[in-house]
Amino acid sequence: MLLDSILDSIYILPKASKDLLKQHLTEVNLSKGTLLLQQNKVENDIYFIKKGIVRAYVQMPDYDVTFWFGSEGATVLSMKSYVNNEPSYENIELLEDCGFYKIHSDVLQNLFKTDIEIANWGRKFAESELIKSEERLISLQFKSAKERYLDLIHHHPNLIQRVALGHIASYLGITQVSLSRIRADIK
């Protein structure tokens, strides 16, 4: 996905502000299986997915809990590290070979201070992430596993072909056996 498209999907910046922001982004390519961010570590980089798919998960003693997937166009960061400079809750694992655009959070914070348009872009990003978190919480609290699965295939149909069913089951908060039953019921 083109960098301009990713940035514009958050908030349309004037050309001068967009060019300034783009000057501070670098391209990074990493292999499948790489841990981009690590649980219990302060993470200072922000990534925009150019190509590939990642998952966010928390490692428990006996299993992992997947709570987010990101694919082309998504932003990857530890919000806890970004906002509070504290260790992150999550791990971010690459499920495919990925390409990213990367910026250090201190650089972005300085751009917020010097360019009001970039600051507004950052505010729009934070507002969007808050809404996504709210929607995820409401889904987990009030929808059945089948409804959550149907929402997933409706809003992110590419995930089903690109992500292991075990990760999808974890994301839905069910076992892989329950996911298989739901899938069979839908067909």
N, C-alpha and C. Protein backbone atom coordinates (compact mmCIF):
# COMPACT_ATOMS: atom_id res chain seq x y z
N MET A 1 0.85 -1.17 0.00
CA MET A 1 0.00 0.00 0.00
C MET A 1 0.90 1.24 0.00
N LEU A 2 0.53 2.21 -0.76
CA LEU A 2 1.32 3.43 -0.87
C LEU A 2 1.24 4.25 0.41
N LEU A 3 2.34 4.89 0.76
CA LEU A 3 2.40 5.69 1.97
C LEU A 3 1.36 6.80 1.96
N ASP A 4 1.20 7.48 0.83
CA ASP A 4 0.20 8.55 0.74
C ASP A 4 -1.20 8.03 1.08
N SER A 5 -1.53 6.85 0.59
CA SER A 5 -2.85 6.27 0.87
C SER A 5 -3.03 5.97 2.35
N ILE A 6 -1.98 5.47 2.98
CA ILE A 6 -2.05 5.17 4.42
C ILE A 6 -2.25 6.46 5.21
N LEU A 7 -1.44 7.46 4.93
CA LEU A 7 -1.54 8.72 5.67
C LEU A 7 -2.91 9.38 5.44
N ASP A 8 -3.38 9.38 4.18
CA ASP A 8 -4.67 9.99 3.86
C ASP A 8 -5.84 9.27 4.50
N SER A 9 -5.69 7.97 4.76
CA SER A 9 -6.80 7.22 5.37
C SER A 9 -7.03 7.67 6.82
N ILE A 10 -6.05 8.31 7.41
CA ILE A 10 -6.18 8.81 8.78
C ILE A 10 -6.74 10.23 8.76
N TYR A 11 -6.16 11.08 7.93
CA TYR A 11 -6.55 12.49 7.84
C TYR A 11 -5.81 13.08 6.65
N ILE A 12 -6.51 13.84 5.83
CA ILE A 12 -5.88 14.44 4.65
C ILE A 12 -5.02 15.63 5.09
N LEU A 13 -3.73 15.50 4.89
CA LEU A 13 -2.78 16.56 5.24
C LEU A 13 -2.53 17.47 4.05
N PRO A 14 -2.30 18.75 4.30
CA PRO A 14 -1.82 19.62 3.22
C PRO A 14 -0.48 19.07 2.71
N LYS A 15 -0.16 19.35 1.46
CA LYS A 15 1.04 18.79 0.84
C LYS A 15 2.31 19.07 1.65
N ALA A 16 2.49 20.29 2.12
CA ALA A 16 3.71 20.63 2.85
C ALA A 16 3.84 19.81 4.14
N SER A 17 2.74 19.63 4.85
CA SER A 17 2.76 18.85 6.09
C SER A 17 3.00 17.37 5.79
N LYS A 18 2.35 16.88 4.74
CA LYS A 18 2.55 15.47 4.38
C LYS A 18 4.00 15.22 3.97
N ASP A 19 4.55 16.13 3.18
CA ASP A 19 5.94 15.98 2.76
C ASP A 19 6.89 16.01 3.96
N LEU A 20 6.61 16.87 4.93
CA LEU A 20 7.43 16.95 6.13
C LEU A 20 7.36 15.64 6.92
N LEU A 21 6.16 15.10 7.10
CA LEU A 21 6.00 13.83 7.81
C LEU A 21 6.72 12.71 7.06
N LYS A 22 6.55 12.66 5.75
CA LYS A 22 7.16 11.60 4.94
C LYS A 22 8.69 11.62 5.00
N GLN A 23 9.27 12.80 5.20
CA GLN A 23 10.73 12.91 5.31
C GLN A 23 11.28 12.12 6.50
N HIS A 24 10.44 11.88 7.49
CA HIS A 24 10.89 11.23 8.73
C HIS A 24 10.51 9.75 8.79
N LEU A 25 9.92 9.23 7.75
CA LEU A 25 9.54 7.82 7.70
C LEU A 25 10.57 7.04 6.89
N THR A 26 10.93 5.86 7.39
CA THR A 26 11.84 4.99 6.67
C THR A 26 11.13 3.67 6.36
N GLU A 27 11.57 3.01 5.30
CA GLU A 27 11.01 1.71 4.95
C GLU A 27 11.81 0.60 5.60
N VAL A 28 11.08 -0.41 6.10
CA VAL A 28 11.68 -1.56 6.77
C VAL A 28 10.99 -2.81 6.25
N ASN A 29 11.76 -3.84 5.93
CA ASN A 29 11.21 -5.13 5.53
C ASN A 29 11.66 -6.18 6.53
N LEU A 30 10.70 -6.97 7.03
CA LEU A 30 11.00 -7.99 8.03
C LEU A 30 10.35 -9.31 7.65
N SER A 31 10.89 -10.40 8.18
CA SER A 31 10.44 -11.74 7.83
C SER A 31 9.32 -12.23 8.74
N LYS A 32 8.52 -13.13 8.16
CA LYS A 32 7.46 -13.81 8.91
C LYS A 32 8.05 -14.40 10.20
N GLY A 33 7.30 -14.28 11.29
CA GLY A 33 7.73 -14.81 12.57
C GLY A 33 8.46 -13.81 13.45
N THR A 34 8.87 -12.68 12.87
CA THR A 34 9.57 -11.65 13.64
C THR A 34 8.62 -11.04 14.67
N LEU A 35 9.14 -10.79 15.87
CA LEU A 35 8.39 -10.03 16.87
C LEU A 35 8.72 -8.56 16.67
N LEU A 36 7.75 -7.82 16.17
CA LEU A 36 7.95 -6.40 15.88
C LEU A 36 7.96 -5.58 17.17
N LEU A 37 7.04 -5.89 18.06
CA LEU A 37 6.96 -5.27 19.38
C LEU A 37 6.92 -6.38 20.41
N GLN A 38 7.44 -6.10 21.60
CA GLN A 38 7.51 -7.14 22.63
C GLN A 38 6.82 -6.71 23.91
N GLN A 39 6.04 -7.63 24.45
CA GLN A 39 5.35 -7.46 25.72
C GLN A 39 6.37 -7.12 26.81
N ASN A 40 5.99 -6.23 27.71
CA ASN A 40 6.81 -5.82 28.85
C ASN A 40 8.07 -5.05 28.47
N LYS A 41 8.07 -4.42 27.30
CA LYS A 41 9.20 -3.62 26.84
C LYS A 41 8.66 -2.28 26.33
N VAL A 42 9.33 -1.19 26.66
CA VAL A 42 8.91 0.10 26.11
C VAL A 42 9.25 0.10 24.62
N GLU A 43 8.26 0.36 23.81
CA GLU A 43 8.43 0.36 22.35
C GLU A 43 8.27 1.78 21.83
N ASN A 44 9.28 2.29 21.15
CA ASN A 44 9.30 3.69 20.74
C ASN A 44 9.07 3.92 19.25
N ASP A 45 8.86 2.86 18.50
CA ASP A 45 8.65 3.02 17.06
C ASP A 45 7.19 2.81 16.71
N ILE A 46 6.77 3.51 15.68
CA ILE A 46 5.42 3.41 15.14
C ILE A 46 5.58 2.93 13.70
N TYR A 47 4.78 1.94 13.33
CA TYR A 47 4.87 1.33 12.01
C TYR A 47 3.54 1.45 11.27
N PHE A 48 3.64 1.63 9.97
CA PHE A 48 2.48 1.60 9.08
C PHE A 48 2.71 0.45 8.12
N ILE A 49 1.75 -0.46 8.03
CA ILE A 49 1.95 -1.67 7.22
C ILE A 49 1.79 -1.35 5.74
N LYS A 50 2.86 -1.52 5.01
CA LYS A 50 2.87 -1.36 3.55
C LYS A 50 2.38 -2.66 2.90
N LYS A 51 2.88 -3.80 3.42
CA LYS A 51 2.56 -5.11 2.88
C LYS A 51 2.66 -6.13 3.99
N GLY A 52 1.65 -7.02 4.06
CA GLY A 52 1.70 -8.11 5.02
C GLY A 52 0.63 -8.03 6.08
N ILE A 53 0.73 -8.95 7.03
CA ILE A 53 -0.26 -9.04 8.10
C ILE A 53 0.45 -9.39 9.41
N VAL A 54 -0.06 -8.81 10.50
CA VAL A 54 0.50 -9.02 11.83
C VAL A 54 -0.63 -9.34 12.80
N ARG A 55 -0.24 -9.89 13.95
CA ARG A 55 -1.22 -10.09 15.02
C ARG A 55 -0.66 -9.53 16.31
N ALA A 56 -1.55 -9.02 17.14
CA ALA A 56 -1.19 -8.59 18.49
C ALA A 56 -1.71 -9.65 19.44
N TYR A 57 -0.86 -10.04 20.38
CA TYR A 57 -1.28 -11.05 21.34
C TYR A 57 -0.59 -10.83 22.67
N VAL A 58 -1.21 -11.39 23.70
CA VAL A 58 -0.62 -11.40 25.03
C VAL A 58 -0.24 -12.83 25.33
N GLN A 59 0.97 -13.02 25.80
CA GLN A 59 1.45 -14.36 26.11
C GLN A 59 1.10 -14.68 27.56
N MET A 60 0.29 -15.73 27.72
CA MET A 60 -0.08 -16.22 29.03
C MET A 60 0.83 -17.41 29.34
N PRO A 61 0.83 -17.93 30.58
CA PRO A 61 1.73 -19.05 30.90
C PRO A 61 1.56 -20.27 29.98
N ASP A 62 0.31 -20.60 29.62
CA ASP A 62 0.08 -21.82 28.84
C ASP A 62 -0.42 -21.60 27.42
N TYR A 63 -0.71 -20.35 27.06
CA TYR A 63 -1.29 -20.08 25.74
C TYR A 63 -1.16 -18.60 25.42
N ASP A 64 -1.45 -18.25 24.16
CA ASP A 64 -1.47 -16.86 23.71
C ASP A 64 -2.92 -16.44 23.51
N VAL A 65 -3.20 -15.16 23.73
CA VAL A 65 -4.51 -14.59 23.44
C VAL A 65 -4.32 -13.53 22.37
N THR A 66 -4.83 -13.81 21.17
CA THR A 66 -4.76 -12.86 20.06
C THR A 66 -5.92 -11.89 20.20
N PHE A 67 -5.64 -10.59 20.13
CA PHE A 67 -6.73 -9.63 20.27
C PHE A 67 -6.81 -8.61 19.13
N TRP A 68 -5.89 -8.69 18.16
CA TRP A 68 -5.93 -7.74 17.05
C TRP A 68 -5.15 -8.29 15.88
N PHE A 69 -5.63 -7.99 14.67
CA PHE A 69 -4.90 -8.26 13.44
C PHE A 69 -4.73 -6.94 12.70
N GLY A 70 -3.60 -6.78 12.05
CA GLY A 70 -3.37 -5.62 11.21
C GLY A 70 -2.86 -6.06 9.86
N SER A 71 -3.36 -5.43 8.82
CA SER A 71 -2.89 -5.73 7.47
C SER A 71 -2.62 -4.41 6.75
N GLU A 72 -2.43 -4.46 5.47
CA GLU A 72 -2.03 -3.30 4.69
C GLU A 72 -2.84 -2.06 5.09
N GLY A 73 -2.08 -1.00 5.41
CA GLY A 73 -2.69 0.27 5.79
C GLY A 73 -2.82 0.48 7.28
N ALA A 74 -2.72 -0.58 8.07
CA ALA A 74 -2.89 -0.45 9.52
C ALA A 74 -1.66 0.16 10.17
N THR A 75 -1.89 0.77 11.31
CA THR A 75 -0.82 1.34 12.12
C THR A 75 -0.51 0.38 13.26
N VAL A 76 0.76 0.16 13.52
CA VAL A 76 1.19 -0.76 14.57
C VAL A 76 2.03 0.02 15.58
N LEU A 77 1.59 0.01 16.82
CA LEU A 77 2.33 0.64 17.91
C LEU A 77 1.82 0.10 19.23
N SER A 78 2.60 0.29 20.25
CA SER A 78 2.13 0.03 21.61
C SER A 78 1.58 1.35 22.12
N MET A 79 0.28 1.44 22.25
CA MET A 79 -0.33 2.68 22.71
C MET A 79 0.15 3.03 24.12
N LYS A 80 0.35 2.02 24.95
CA LYS A 80 0.81 2.26 26.32
C LYS A 80 2.22 2.86 26.32
N SER A 81 3.10 2.35 25.48
CA SER A 81 4.44 2.91 25.37
C SER A 81 4.39 4.31 24.77
N TYR A 82 3.57 4.49 23.76
CA TYR A 82 3.48 5.77 23.06
C TYR A 82 2.95 6.87 23.98
N VAL A 83 1.88 6.58 24.70
CA VAL A 83 1.24 7.59 25.53
C VAL A 83 1.96 7.78 26.86
N ASN A 84 2.29 6.68 27.53
CA ASN A 84 2.84 6.77 28.90
C ASN A 84 4.31 6.42 29.02
N ASN A 85 4.95 6.05 27.92
CA ASN A 85 6.34 5.61 27.94
C ASN A 85 6.54 4.46 28.93
N GLU A 86 5.58 3.54 28.94
CA GLU A 86 5.60 2.38 29.81
C GLU A 86 5.69 1.11 28.97
N PRO A 87 6.13 0.01 29.58
CA PRO A 87 6.20 -1.25 28.83
C PRO A 87 4.85 -1.65 28.23
N SER A 88 4.90 -2.24 27.05
CA SER A 88 3.69 -2.60 26.32
C SER A 88 3.00 -3.81 26.94
N TYR A 89 1.72 -3.92 26.66
CA TYR A 89 0.93 -5.08 27.07
C TYR A 89 1.18 -6.26 26.14
N GLU A 90 1.47 -5.97 24.88
CA GLU A 90 1.34 -6.96 23.83
C GLU A 90 2.64 -7.27 23.10
N ASN A 91 2.57 -8.39 22.39
CA ASN A 91 3.56 -8.74 21.38
C ASN A 91 2.89 -8.51 20.03
N ILE A 92 3.69 -8.09 19.06
CA ILE A 92 3.21 -8.00 17.67
C ILE A 92 4.08 -8.94 16.85
N GLU A 93 3.45 -9.95 16.28
CA GLU A 93 4.15 -10.97 15.49
C GLU A 93 3.77 -10.84 14.02
N LEU A 94 4.77 -10.94 13.14
CA LEU A 94 4.51 -10.92 11.71
C LEU A 94 4.03 -12.30 11.27
N LEU A 95 2.85 -12.35 10.67
CA LEU A 95 2.29 -13.60 10.17
C LEU A 95 2.67 -13.85 8.72
N GLU A 96 3.24 -12.85 8.08
CA GLU A 96 3.76 -12.94 6.71
C GLU A 96 5.02 -12.08 6.67
N ASP A 97 5.80 -12.24 5.61
CA ASP A 97 6.87 -11.27 5.37
C ASP A 97 6.19 -9.92 5.20
N CYS A 98 6.72 -8.89 5.83
CA CYS A 98 6.05 -7.59 5.85
C CYS A 98 6.98 -6.46 5.45
N GLY A 99 6.36 -5.43 4.87
CA GLY A 99 7.03 -4.17 4.62
C GLY A 99 6.33 -3.10 5.43
N PHE A 100 7.12 -2.21 6.03
CA PHE A 100 6.57 -1.16 6.88
C PHE A 100 7.18 0.19 6.54
N TYR A 101 6.46 1.23 6.92
CA TYR A 101 7.01 2.58 7.02
C TYR A 101 7.13 2.82 8.53
N LYS A 102 8.26 3.33 8.97
CA LYS A 102 8.54 3.44 10.41
C LYS A 102 8.93 4.87 10.77
N ILE A 103 8.49 5.28 11.97
CA ILE A 103 8.89 6.57 12.53
C ILE A 103 9.07 6.39 14.04
N HIS A 104 10.03 7.07 14.61
CA HIS A 104 10.25 7.02 16.06
C HIS A 104 9.23 7.96 16.72
N SER A 105 8.68 7.55 17.85
CA SER A 105 7.62 8.35 18.50
C SER A 105 8.12 9.73 18.93
N ASP A 106 9.39 9.87 19.33
CA ASP A 106 9.92 11.20 19.70
C ASP A 106 9.92 12.14 18.50
N VAL A 107 10.25 11.61 17.34
CA VAL A 107 10.24 12.42 16.11
C VAL A 107 8.82 12.87 15.80
N LEU A 108 7.87 11.95 15.93
CA LEU A 108 6.47 12.30 15.67
C LEU A 108 5.98 13.34 16.68
N GLN A 109 6.33 13.17 17.94
CA GLN A 109 5.93 14.15 18.96
C GLN A 109 6.48 15.54 18.63
N ASN A 110 7.71 15.62 18.16
CA ASN A 110 8.28 16.91 17.77
C ASN A 110 7.55 17.51 16.58
N LEU A 111 7.14 16.66 15.64
CA LEU A 111 6.37 17.16 14.50
C LEU A 111 5.01 17.69 14.96
N PHE A 112 4.40 17.04 15.95
CA PHE A 112 3.14 17.54 16.49
C PHE A 112 3.31 18.95 17.05
N LYS A 113 4.46 19.21 17.66
CA LYS A 113 4.72 20.52 18.28
C LYS A 113 4.96 21.61 17.24
N THR A 114 5.45 21.23 16.07
CA THR A 114 5.85 22.24 15.08
C THR A 114 4.87 22.40 13.92
N ASP A 115 3.94 21.45 13.75
CA ASP A 115 3.02 21.51 12.61
C ASP A 115 1.62 21.13 13.08
N ILE A 116 0.73 22.11 13.12
CA ILE A 116 -0.63 21.88 13.63
C ILE A 116 -1.39 20.85 12.79
N GLU A 117 -1.12 20.80 11.50
CA GLU A 117 -1.80 19.83 10.64
C GLU A 117 -1.38 18.41 11.00
N ILE A 118 -0.09 18.21 11.25
CA ILE A 118 0.39 16.88 11.66
C ILE A 118 -0.17 16.55 13.05
N ALA A 119 -0.28 17.55 13.93
CA ALA A 119 -0.89 17.33 15.24
C ALA A 119 -2.35 16.91 15.08
N ASN A 120 -3.07 17.54 14.17
CA ASN A 120 -4.47 17.16 13.91
C ASN A 120 -4.55 15.75 13.32
N TRP A 121 -3.60 15.42 12.47
CA TRP A 121 -3.53 14.06 11.91
C TRP A 121 -3.36 13.06 13.06
N GLY A 122 -2.48 13.35 14.01
CA GLY A 122 -2.27 12.49 15.16
C GLY A 122 -3.50 12.37 16.03
N ARG A 123 -4.21 13.48 16.21
CA ARG A 123 -5.46 13.45 16.98
C ARG A 123 -6.49 12.57 16.30
N LYS A 124 -6.62 12.70 14.99
CA LYS A 124 -7.59 11.88 14.25
C LYS A 124 -7.23 10.40 14.35
N PHE A 125 -5.94 10.10 14.32
CA PHE A 125 -5.50 8.71 14.49
C PHE A 125 -5.93 8.19 15.86
N ALA A 126 -5.65 8.96 16.92
CA ALA A 126 -6.00 8.53 18.28
C ALA A 126 -7.51 8.34 18.42
N GLU A 127 -8.29 9.24 17.85
CA GLU A 127 -9.75 9.12 17.91
C GLU A 127 -10.22 7.84 17.22
N SER A 128 -9.63 7.56 16.07
CA SER A 128 -9.98 6.36 15.32
C SER A 128 -9.65 5.10 16.12
N GLU A 129 -8.48 5.07 16.74
CA GLU A 129 -8.08 3.91 17.55
C GLU A 129 -9.00 3.73 18.75
N LEU A 130 -9.45 4.82 19.35
CA LEU A 130 -10.37 4.74 20.47
C LEU A 130 -11.69 4.12 20.04
N ILE A 131 -12.19 4.52 18.90
CA ILE A 131 -13.44 3.95 18.39
C ILE A 131 -13.28 2.46 18.11
N LYS A 132 -12.16 2.06 17.51
CA LYS A 132 -11.92 0.64 17.24
C LYS A 132 -11.89 -0.16 18.53
N SER A 133 -11.23 0.38 19.55
CA SER A 133 -11.18 -0.32 20.85
C SER A 133 -12.57 -0.45 21.46
N GLU A 134 -13.34 0.61 21.37
CA GLU A 134 -14.70 0.59 21.90
C GLU A 134 -15.56 -0.44 21.16
N GLU A 135 -15.45 -0.48 19.84
CA GLU A 135 -16.22 -1.46 19.05
C GLU A 135 -15.82 -2.89 19.40
N ARG A 136 -14.54 -3.12 19.60
CA ARG A 136 -14.05 -4.46 19.96
C ARG A 136 -14.59 -4.88 21.32
N LEU A 137 -14.55 -3.98 22.29
CA LEU A 137 -15.07 -4.28 23.62
C LEU A 137 -16.56 -4.58 23.58
N ILE A 138 -17.31 -3.78 22.87
CA ILE A 138 -18.76 -4.00 22.76
C ILE A 138 -19.04 -5.33 22.08
N SER A 139 -18.28 -5.64 21.04
CA SER A 139 -18.46 -6.91 20.34
C SER A 139 -18.24 -8.09 21.29
N LEU A 140 -17.17 -8.04 22.07
CA LEU A 140 -16.88 -9.14 22.99
C LEU A 140 -17.93 -9.26 24.10
N GLN A 141 -18.49 -8.14 24.50
CA GLN A 141 -19.45 -8.16 25.60
C GLN A 141 -20.86 -8.55 25.17
N PHE A 142 -21.25 -8.18 23.94
CA PHE A 142 -22.66 -8.29 23.59
C PHE A 142 -22.97 -9.17 22.37
N LYS A 143 -21.97 -9.65 21.68
CA LYS A 143 -22.23 -10.48 20.51
C LYS A 143 -21.80 -11.91 20.77
N SER A 144 -22.51 -12.83 20.12
CA SER A 144 -22.14 -14.24 20.22
C SER A 144 -20.88 -14.49 19.38
N ALA A 145 -20.26 -15.64 19.60
CA ALA A 145 -19.07 -16.00 18.83
C ALA A 145 -19.40 -16.06 17.34
N LYS A 146 -20.56 -16.57 17.01
CA LYS A 146 -20.96 -16.65 15.60
C LYS A 146 -21.10 -15.25 15.01
N GLU A 147 -21.70 -14.33 15.76
CA GLU A 147 -21.84 -12.95 15.28
C GLU A 147 -20.46 -12.29 15.11
N ARG A 148 -19.56 -12.55 16.04
CA ARG A 148 -18.21 -11.98 15.93
C ARG A 148 -17.49 -12.54 14.71
N TYR A 149 -17.67 -13.83 14.44
CA TYR A 149 -17.05 -14.44 13.26
C TYR A 149 -17.63 -13.83 11.98
N LEU A 150 -18.95 -13.69 11.93
CA LEU A 150 -19.59 -13.10 10.75
C LEU A 150 -19.12 -11.66 10.54
N ASP A 151 -18.97 -10.91 11.62
CA ASP A 151 -18.43 -9.54 11.52
C ASP A 151 -17.01 -9.56 10.96
N LEU A 152 -16.21 -10.51 11.44
CA LEU A 152 -14.83 -10.62 10.98
C LEU A 152 -14.76 -10.90 9.48
N ILE A 153 -15.54 -11.86 9.01
CA ILE A 153 -15.47 -12.18 7.58
C ILE A 153 -16.12 -11.08 6.72
N HIS A 154 -17.04 -10.33 7.31
CA HIS A 154 -17.65 -9.22 6.58
C HIS A 154 -16.68 -8.04 6.45
N HIS A 155 -16.03 -7.68 7.56
CA HIS A 155 -15.16 -6.50 7.57
C HIS A 155 -13.72 -6.80 7.14
N HIS A 156 -13.28 -8.05 7.31
CA HIS A 156 -11.89 -8.42 6.98
C HIS A 156 -11.86 -9.79 6.30
N PRO A 157 -12.47 -9.92 5.14
CA PRO A 157 -12.55 -11.25 4.49
C PRO A 157 -11.19 -11.85 4.16
N ASN A 158 -10.18 -11.03 3.97
CA ASN A 158 -8.85 -11.56 3.61
C ASN A 158 -8.19 -12.29 4.77
N LEU A 159 -8.61 -12.03 6.00
CA LEU A 159 -7.98 -12.68 7.15
C LEU A 159 -8.17 -14.19 7.12
N ILE A 160 -9.31 -14.65 6.69
CA ILE A 160 -9.63 -16.07 6.72
C ILE A 160 -8.64 -16.87 5.88
N GLN A 161 -8.19 -16.30 4.76
CA GLN A 161 -7.23 -16.99 3.90
C GLN A 161 -5.79 -16.81 4.37
N ARG A 162 -5.51 -15.78 5.17
CA ARG A 162 -4.14 -15.42 5.48
C ARG A 162 -3.70 -15.73 6.91
N VAL A 163 -4.65 -16.07 7.77
CA VAL A 163 -4.34 -16.24 9.19
C VAL A 163 -4.73 -17.65 9.64
N ALA A 164 -3.90 -18.27 10.45
CA ALA A 164 -4.19 -19.61 10.98
C ALA A 164 -5.48 -19.59 11.79
N LEU A 165 -6.25 -20.66 11.66
CA LEU A 165 -7.54 -20.73 12.36
C LEU A 165 -7.38 -20.66 13.88
N GLY A 166 -6.27 -21.16 14.41
CA GLY A 166 -6.03 -21.07 15.84
C GLY A 166 -5.96 -19.62 16.32
N HIS A 167 -5.34 -18.75 15.52
CA HIS A 167 -5.25 -17.33 15.86
C HIS A 167 -6.64 -16.69 15.76
N ILE A 168 -7.39 -17.07 14.74
CA ILE A 168 -8.75 -16.51 14.59
C ILE A 168 -9.63 -16.95 15.75
N ALA A 169 -9.55 -18.22 16.14
CA ALA A 169 -10.34 -18.71 17.28
C ALA A 169 -9.98 -17.93 18.54
N SER A 170 -8.69 -17.71 18.78
CA SER A 170 -8.25 -16.96 19.95
C SER A 170 -8.80 -15.54 19.91
N TYR A 171 -8.75 -14.91 18.74
CA TYR A 171 -9.28 -13.56 18.57
C TYR A 171 -10.77 -13.51 18.90
N LEU A 172 -11.50 -14.55 18.52
CA LEU A 172 -12.94 -14.60 18.78
C LEU A 172 -13.26 -15.01 20.21
N GLY A 173 -12.25 -15.48 20.94
CA GLY A 173 -12.46 -15.89 22.32
C GLY A 173 -13.08 -17.26 22.45
N ILE A 174 -12.78 -18.14 21.47
CA ILE A 174 -13.35 -19.49 21.47
C ILE A 174 -12.25 -20.50 21.13
N THR A 175 -12.59 -21.77 21.26
CA THR A 175 -11.64 -22.82 20.88
C THR A 175 -11.68 -23.02 19.37
N GLN A 176 -10.67 -23.69 18.87
CA GLN A 176 -10.63 -23.98 17.44
C GLN A 176 -11.76 -24.95 17.06
N VAL A 177 -12.12 -25.85 17.98
CA VAL A 177 -13.25 -26.78 17.74
C VAL A 177 -14.53 -26.00 17.59
N SER A 178 -14.77 -25.01 18.46
CA SER A 178 -15.98 -24.18 18.36
C SER A 178 -15.99 -23.40 17.05
N LEU A 179 -14.83 -22.90 16.65
CA LEU A 179 -14.74 -22.17 15.38
C LEU A 179 -15.09 -23.09 14.22
N SER A 180 -14.61 -24.32 14.24
CA SER A 180 -14.94 -25.27 13.18
C SER A 180 -16.44 -25.52 13.12
N ARG A 181 -17.09 -25.62 14.27
CA ARG A 181 -18.55 -25.81 14.30
C ARG A 181 -19.27 -24.61 13.71
N ILE A 182 -18.82 -23.42 14.06
CA ILE A 182 -19.44 -22.20 13.52
C ILE A 182 -19.27 -22.15 12.02
N ARG A 183 -18.08 -22.46 11.55
CA ARG A 183 -17.83 -22.44 10.10
C ARG A 183 -18.69 -23.47 9.37
N ALA A 184 -18.83 -24.66 9.95
CA ALA A 184 -19.66 -25.70 9.33
C ALA A 184 -21.12 -25.28 9.32
N ASP A 185 -21.57 -24.61 10.39
CA ASP A 185 -22.95 -24.15 10.50
C ASP A 185 -23.28 -23.10 9.46
N ILE A 186 -22.31 -22.25 9.14
CA ILE A 186 -22.51 -21.17 8.18
C ILE A 186 -22.60 -21.69 6.75
N LYS A 187 -21.84 -22.74 6.44
CA LYS A 187 -21.80 -23.27 5.06
C LYS A 187 -23.08 -23.90 4.68
